[in-house]
Amino acid sequence: MISAALAKKVVCSIYRASLWPAVGTVISRGYRGDAQEPTLIEIPLPPWEERTGESMAIKRKRLVYESRKRGMLENCILLSLFAKQYLNTMSEAQLRQYDRLINEPSNDWDIYYWATEAVPTPDVYEGEVMDMLKEFTKNRNMEQRLDAPNLEYLDKSS
């Protein structure tokens, strides 16, 4: 003999199945037409050139901006927080390394994979700044990094 609870479950499941008969039958959707492969156009980027005659203060401000305005949100958060913590204490040589690192590669995913050590960093980008970025990326203090920092920290007048 079936218990009342089991009988109720069976009746309810049959009732639900009768209301939505097509839910379990659709496995996947997709276009199966004879579409041609898209033609990809590769746009050549101008080679990176170090800016000469730029003061350290202007370079720092530019790098803060360029750290925040990336092609992907992950790098925007990572690089802007890194810039907030380290940019004001970097030497001129470190600023040049950082400038090259964030501006020369044309693919933001490369920078992200190098910083997270998912793929090896090319020798040309290895250096003190990349080591600092890799260590920063490990987030040993387990800080909550969900958004780029507020720019109020730049306002020294308050």
Protein backbone atom coordinates (compact mmCIF):
# COMPACT_ATOMS: atom_id res chain seq x y z
CA MET A 1 0.00 0.00 0.00
CA ILE A 2 1.27 3.48 -0.91
CA SER A 3 1.63 6.13 1.75
CA ALA A 4 -0.39 9.31 1.43
CA ALA A 5 2.75 11.46 1.10
CA LEU A 6 4.13 9.35 -1.77
CA ALA A 7 0.78 9.36 -3.56
CA LYS A 8 0.61 13.16 -3.23
CA LYS A 9 4.13 13.54 -4.73
CA VAL A 10 3.23 11.33 -7.69
CA VAL A 11 0.00 13.22 -8.39
CA CYS A 12 1.74 16.61 -8.11
CA SER A 13 4.54 15.61 -10.47
CA ILE A 14 2.05 14.27 -13.05
CA TYR A 15 0.06 17.50 -12.76
CA ARG A 16 3.20 19.67 -13.26
CA ALA A 17 4.25 17.60 -16.25
CA SER A 18 0.84 18.09 -17.86
CA LEU A 19 1.13 21.89 -17.47
CA TRP A 20 4.60 22.13 -19.06
CA PRO A 21 4.91 19.26 -21.50
CA ALA A 22 7.60 20.89 -23.68
CA VAL A 23 10.07 21.75 -20.94
CA GLY A 24 11.80 18.39 -20.91
CA THR A 25 11.71 17.89 -24.68
CA VAL A 26 13.82 20.89 -25.74
CA ILE A 27 17.44 19.82 -25.40
CA SER A 28 19.27 22.54 -27.27
CA ARG A 29 18.64 25.36 -29.66
CA GLY A 30 20.83 26.56 -32.42
CA TYR A 31 20.91 27.80 -35.95
CA ARG A 32 21.69 25.01 -38.35
CA GLY A 33 21.80 27.04 -41.54
CA ASP A 34 24.64 27.22 -44.02
CA ALA A 35 26.15 30.45 -42.78
CA GLN A 36 29.58 31.40 -44.00
CA GLU A 37 32.41 31.89 -41.58
CA PRO A 38 32.76 35.58 -40.70
CA THR A 39 35.61 37.43 -42.31
CA LEU A 40 37.89 38.76 -39.62
CA ILE A 41 39.65 42.03 -40.25
CA GLU A 42 42.83 42.52 -38.29
CA ILE A 43 43.48 46.16 -37.57
CA PRO A 44 47.18 46.83 -37.04
CA LEU A 45 47.95 48.82 -33.93
CA PRO A 46 50.73 51.38 -33.93
CA PRO A 47 53.78 50.16 -32.03
CA TRP A 48 54.17 51.36 -28.46
CA GLU A 49 56.62 54.19 -28.03
CA GLU A 50 57.84 55.54 -24.74
CA ARG A 51 56.77 59.13 -24.20
CA THR A 52 59.73 61.42 -23.86
CA GLY A 53 59.72 64.77 -22.13
CA GLU A 54 56.85 63.79 -19.83
CA SER A 55 57.21 64.82 -16.18
CA MET A 56 56.90 62.16 -13.49
CA ALA A 57 53.72 63.80 -12.16
CA ILE A 58 52.05 63.77 -15.58
CA LYS A 59 53.20 60.19 -16.22
CA ARG A 60 51.69 59.06 -12.89
CA LYS A 61 48.37 60.76 -13.69
CA ARG A 62 48.29 59.22 -17.16
CA LEU A 63 49.09 55.77 -15.77
CA VAL A 64 46.32 56.09 -13.16
CA TYR A 65 43.88 56.83 -15.99
CA GLU A 66 45.22 54.06 -18.22
CA SER A 67 45.10 51.59 -15.33
CA ARG A 68 41.40 52.32 -14.87
CA LYS A 69 40.30 52.39 -18.50
CA ARG A 70 41.05 48.89 -19.73
CA GLY A 71 39.43 46.63 -22.29
CA MET A 72 38.10 44.29 -19.62
CA LEU A 73 36.70 44.78 -16.15
CA GLU A 74 39.06 42.31 -14.47
CA ASN A 75 42.11 44.33 -15.52
CA CYS A 76 40.40 47.62 -14.71
CA ILE A 77 39.90 46.48 -11.12
CA LEU A 78 43.26 44.75 -10.76
CA LEU A 79 45.42 47.46 -12.34
CA SER A 80 43.61 50.41 -10.79
CA LEU A 81 43.97 48.94 -7.28
CA PHE A 82 47.61 48.11 -8.02
CA ALA A 83 48.18 51.68 -9.24
CA LYS A 84 46.53 53.10 -6.13
CA GLN A 85 48.84 51.11 -3.89
CA TYR A 86 52.16 51.38 -5.76
CA LEU A 87 52.18 54.14 -8.37
CA ASN A 88 53.09 57.03 -6.05
CA THR A 89 56.13 55.18 -4.69
CA MET A 90 57.51 53.86 -7.99
CA SER A 91 60.85 55.07 -9.27
CA GLU A 92 61.24 56.46 -12.78
CA ALA A 93 62.54 53.09 -14.05
CA GLN A 94 59.58 51.28 -12.47
CA LEU A 95 57.15 53.77 -14.04
CA ARG A 96 58.70 53.05 -17.45
CA GLN A 97 58.31 49.30 -16.88
CA TYR A 98 54.69 49.72 -15.80
CA ASP A 99 53.94 52.02 -18.74
CA ARG A 100 55.32 49.47 -21.17
CA LEU A 101 53.55 46.57 -19.46
CA ILE A 102 50.07 48.07 -19.62
CA ASN A 103 50.39 49.80 -23.00
CA GLU A 104 52.51 47.65 -25.30
CA PRO A 105 50.56 44.35 -25.37
CA SER A 106 47.50 44.69 -27.58
CA ASN A 107 45.51 42.05 -25.69
CA ASP A 108 44.37 42.74 -22.14
CA TRP A 109 43.90 39.01 -21.55
CA ASP A 110 47.66 38.56 -21.92
CA ILE A 111 48.30 40.96 -19.04
CA TYR A 112 45.68 39.22 -16.93
CA TYR A 113 47.10 35.74 -17.59
CA TRP A 114 50.65 36.92 -16.85
CA ALA A 115 49.58 38.61 -13.60
CA THR A 116 47.65 35.57 -12.42
CA GLU A 117 50.50 33.32 -13.59
CA ALA A 118 48.17 31.26 -15.76
CA VAL A 119 50.73 31.49 -18.57
CA PRO A 120 54.43 32.38 -18.40
CA THR A 121 55.33 36.04 -18.77
CA PRO A 122 57.48 36.86 -21.82
CA ASP A 123 61.02 37.88 -20.90
CA VAL A 124 60.52 41.41 -22.24
CA TYR A 125 57.87 42.09 -19.54
CA GLU A 126 59.63 40.30 -16.68
CA GLY A 127 61.01 42.63 -14.06
CA GLU A 128 60.45 44.26 -10.73
CA VAL A 129 57.04 45.72 -11.64
CA MET A 130 55.73 42.42 -12.99
CA ASP A 131 56.89 40.69 -9.80
CA MET A 132 55.05 43.34 -7.75
CA LEU A 133 51.90 42.87 -9.87
CA LYS A 134 52.03 39.07 -9.55
CA GLU A 135 52.39 39.34 -5.77
CA PHE A 136 49.57 41.91 -5.61
CA THR A 137 47.34 39.63 -7.69
CA LYS A 138 47.72 36.80 -5.16
CA ASN A 139 45.74 38.95 -2.69
CA ARG A 140 47.34 37.37 0.37
CA ASN A 141 45.34 39.67 2.71
CA MET A 142 42.13 38.45 1.04
CA GLU A 143 40.84 41.97 0.42
CA GLN A 144 37.49 42.38 -1.26
CA ARG A 145 38.30 43.62 -4.77
CA LEU A 146 35.02 44.15 -6.54
CA ASP A 147 35.44 47.59 -8.06
CA ALA A 148 38.04 50.16 -9.04
CA PRO A 149 38.99 52.51 -6.19
CA ASN A 150 37.29 55.85 -5.77
CA LEU A 151 39.52 58.64 -7.08
CA GLU A 152 39.11 60.74 -3.92
CA TYR A 153 42.46 59.42 -2.71
CA LEU A 154 44.10 61.57 -5.41
CA ASP A 155 42.62 64.78 -3.99
CA LYS A 156 45.31 65.97 -1.59
CA SER A 157 43.52 69.22 -0.72
CA SER A 158 41.06 67.57 1.71
